[in-house]
Amino acid sequence: MKEIKPRPCPECRRMMEPRVINLHYERKGSDLHVEVIGIPANVCPRCFYRLIPAEVAQQIDALIDPLYERVQQQTWELLPIPHIDIQFPLQGERVPQ
């Protein structure tokens, strides 16, 4: 997992703290919902402003963008559009084999 270095909050200037956050993704015009769990980010303890490092955001986008593209291409006649959860293990957590 990427190490997050504390930095001042761009909103309130208090020092942000490295934390693991969850994000919910929705796109206008799509019924697909994606939950991404276990994202490393800086979070302000005062105003709760969140910053995800650019490299992390790019990797998340690389996972999510093809899902939305595929849902748009697929004809959903037999099943409803799924709700997808992507969960990253915490640092040091074992991944089941």
C-alpha atoms as a PDB file:
ATOM      1  CA  MET A   1       0.000   0.000   0.000  1.00  0.00           C
ATOM      2  CA  LYS A   2       1.236   3.488  -0.799  1.00  0.00           C
ATOM      3  CA  GLU A   3       2.623   5.341   2.201  1.00  0.00           C
ATOM      4  CA  ILE A   4       0.709   8.559   2.788  1.00  0.00           C
ATOM      5  CA  LYS A   5       2.663  11.517   4.133  1.00  0.00           C
ATOM      6  CA  PRO A   6       0.744  13.954   6.357  1.00  0.00           C
ATOM      7  CA  ARG A   7       0.219  17.430   4.896  1.00  0.00           C
ATOM      8  CA  PRO A   8      -1.758  20.570   5.739  1.00  0.00           C
ATOM      9  CA  CYS A   9      -5.430  20.537   4.824  1.00  0.00           C
ATOM     10  CA  PRO A  10      -6.115  22.837   1.842  1.00  0.00           C
ATOM     11  CA  GLU A  11      -9.429  23.871   3.453  1.00  0.00           C
ATOM     12  CA  CYS A  12      -8.638  24.585   7.123  1.00  0.00           C
ATOM     13  CA  ARG A  13      -4.806  24.239   7.257  1.00  0.00           C
ATOM     14  CA  ARG A  14      -4.846  21.648  10.067  1.00  0.00           C
ATOM     15  CA  MET A  15      -2.449  18.705   9.570  1.00  0.00           C
ATOM     16  CA  MET A  16      -4.135  15.859   7.758  1.00  0.00           C
ATOM     17  CA  GLU A  17      -3.727  12.252   8.888  1.00  0.00           C
ATOM     18  CA  PRO A  18      -3.106   9.162   6.769  1.00  0.00           C
ATOM     19  CA  ARG A  19      -6.185   6.941   6.867  1.00  0.00           C
ATOM     20  CA  VAL A  20      -7.961   4.290   4.860  1.00  0.00           C
ATOM     21  CA  ILE A  21     -11.239   5.472   3.327  1.00  0.00           C
ATOM     22  CA  ASN A  22     -14.112   4.063   1.257  1.00  0.00           C
ATOM     23  CA  LEU A  23     -15.613   5.742  -1.797  1.00  0.00           C
ATOM     24  CA  HIS A  24     -18.893   5.248  -3.621  1.00  0.00           C
ATOM     25  CA  TYR A  25     -18.826   5.822  -7.388  1.00  0.00           C
ATOM     26  CA  GLU A  26     -21.827   6.693  -9.527  1.00  0.00           C
ATOM     27  CA  ARG A  27     -21.893   8.148 -13.022  1.00  0.00           C
ATOM     28  CA  LYS A  28     -24.675  10.168 -14.539  1.00  0.00           C
ATOM     29  CA  GLY A  29     -26.639   8.098 -17.011  1.00  0.00           C
ATOM     30  CA  SER A  30     -25.514   4.764 -15.537  1.00  0.00           C
ATOM     31  CA  ASP A  31     -27.233   2.495 -13.023  1.00  0.00           C
ATOM     32  CA  LEU A  32     -23.913   0.920 -12.028  1.00  0.00           C
ATOM     33  CA  HIS A  33     -22.714   1.651  -8.491  1.00  0.00           C
ATOM     34  CA  VAL A  34     -19.187   0.784  -7.391  1.00  0.00           C
ATOM     35  CA  GLU A  35     -17.905   0.790  -3.804  1.00  0.00           C
ATOM     36  CA  VAL A  36     -14.139   0.957  -3.377  1.00  0.00           C
ATOM     37  CA  ILE A  37     -13.034  -0.043   0.112  1.00  0.00           C
ATOM     38  CA  GLY A  38      -9.596   0.416   1.628  1.00  0.00           C
ATOM     39  CA  ILE A  39      -8.214   3.457  -0.240  1.00  0.00           C
ATOM     40  CA  PRO A  40      -5.171   5.137   1.331  1.00  0.00           C
ATOM     41  CA  ALA A  41      -5.769   8.879   1.712  1.00  0.00           C
ATOM     42  CA  ASN A  42      -5.066  11.934   3.821  1.00  0.00           C
ATOM     43  CA  VAL A  43      -8.046  13.012   5.940  1.00  0.00           C
ATOM     44  CA  CYS A  44      -8.410  16.212   7.916  1.00  0.00           C
ATOM     45  CA  PRO A  45      -9.500  15.488  11.513  1.00  0.00           C
ATOM     46  CA  ARG A  46     -11.180  18.905  11.733  1.00  0.00           C
ATOM     47  CA  CYS A  47     -13.148  19.380   8.482  1.00  0.00           C
ATOM     48  CA  PHE A  48     -12.863  15.790   7.099  1.00  0.00           C
ATOM     49  CA  TYR A  49     -11.485  16.971   3.749  1.00  0.00           C
ATOM     50  CA  ARG A  50      -9.989  13.954   1.936  1.00  0.00           C
ATOM     51  CA  LEU A  51      -7.084  13.793  -0.492  1.00  0.00           C
ATOM     52  CA  ILE A  52      -6.229  10.694  -2.484  1.00  0.00           C
ATOM     53  CA  PRO A  53      -2.721  10.625  -3.991  1.00  0.00           C
ATOM     54  CA  ALA A  54      -2.779  11.070  -7.781  1.00  0.00           C
ATOM     55  CA  GLU A  55      -1.149   7.681  -8.413  1.00  0.00           C
ATOM     56  CA  VAL A  56      -3.762   5.927  -6.280  1.00  0.00           C
ATOM     57  CA  ALA A  57      -6.629   7.771  -8.001  1.00  0.00           C
ATOM     58  CA  GLN A  58      -5.233   6.786 -11.412  1.00  0.00           C
ATOM     59  CA  GLN A  59      -5.113   3.109 -10.438  1.00  0.00           C
ATOM     60  CA  ILE A  60      -8.677   3.227  -9.093  1.00  0.00           C
ATOM     61  CA  ASP A  61      -9.848   4.893 -12.317  1.00  0.00           C
ATOM     62  CA  ALA A  62      -8.076   2.161 -14.301  1.00  0.00           C
ATOM     63  CA  LEU A  63     -10.206  -0.413 -12.429  1.00  0.00           C
ATOM     64  CA  ILE A  64     -13.505   1.439 -12.559  1.00  0.00           C
ATOM     65  CA  ASP A  65     -13.552   2.956 -16.057  1.00  0.00           C
ATOM     66  CA  PRO A  66     -13.674  -0.423 -17.866  1.00  0.00           C
ATOM     67  CA  LEU A  67     -16.582  -1.497 -15.621  1.00  0.00           C
ATOM     68  CA  TYR A  68     -18.668   1.487 -16.680  1.00  0.00           C
ATOM     69  CA  GLU A  69     -17.697   0.985 -20.329  1.00  0.00           C
ATOM     70  CA  ARG A  70     -18.702  -2.681 -20.194  1.00  0.00           C
ATOM     71  CA  VAL A  71     -22.050  -1.928 -18.548  1.00  0.00           C
ATOM     72  CA  GLN A  72     -22.841   0.587 -21.306  1.00  0.00           C
ATOM     73  CA  GLN A  73     -22.026  -1.995 -24.005  1.00  0.00           C
ATOM     74  CA  GLN A  74     -23.967  -4.860 -22.386  1.00  0.00           C
ATOM     75  CA  THR A  75     -27.669  -5.482 -22.951  1.00  0.00           C
ATOM     76  CA  TRP A  76     -29.166  -6.210 -19.531  1.00  0.00           C
ATOM     77  CA  GLU A  77     -32.225  -8.348 -20.242  1.00  0.00           C
ATOM     78  CA  LEU A  78     -31.937 -11.244 -17.798  1.00  0.00           C
ATOM     79  CA  LEU A  79     -30.154  -9.668 -14.839  1.00  0.00           C
ATOM     80  CA  PRO A  80     -30.204  -6.206 -13.307  1.00  0.00           C
ATOM     81  CA  ILE A  81     -27.059  -4.084 -13.437  1.00  0.00           C
ATOM     82  CA  PRO A  82     -24.886  -5.238 -10.523  1.00  0.00           C
ATOM     83  CA  HIS A  83     -23.575  -3.287  -7.568  1.00  0.00           C
ATOM     84  CA  ILE A  84     -19.828  -3.922  -7.495  1.00  0.00           C
ATOM     85  CA  ASP A  85     -17.574  -3.825  -4.413  1.00  0.00           C
ATOM     86  CA  ILE A  86     -13.801  -3.586  -4.759  1.00  0.00           C
ATOM     87  CA  GLN A  87     -11.956  -4.132  -1.504  1.00  0.00           C
ATOM     88  CA  PHE A  88      -8.239  -3.693  -0.965  1.00  0.00           C
ATOM     89  CA  PRO A  89      -6.693  -5.557   1.987  1.00  0.00           C
ATOM     90  CA  LEU A  90      -5.231  -3.434   4.758  1.00  0.00           C
ATOM     91  CA  GLN A  91      -1.465  -3.209   4.880  1.00  0.00           C
ATOM     92  CA  GLY A  92      -0.151  -6.360   6.502  1.00  0.00           C
ATOM     93  CA  GLU A  93      -3.492  -8.173   6.078  1.00  0.00           C
ATOM     94  CA  ARG A  94      -3.209 -11.570   4.420  1.00  0.00           C
ATOM     95  CA  VAL A  95      -5.059 -12.120   1.195  1.00  0.00           C
ATOM     96  CA  PRO A  96      -6.860 -15.518   1.080  1.00  0.00           C
ATOM     97  CA  GLN A  97      -5.411 -17.894  -1.518  1.00  0.00           C
END
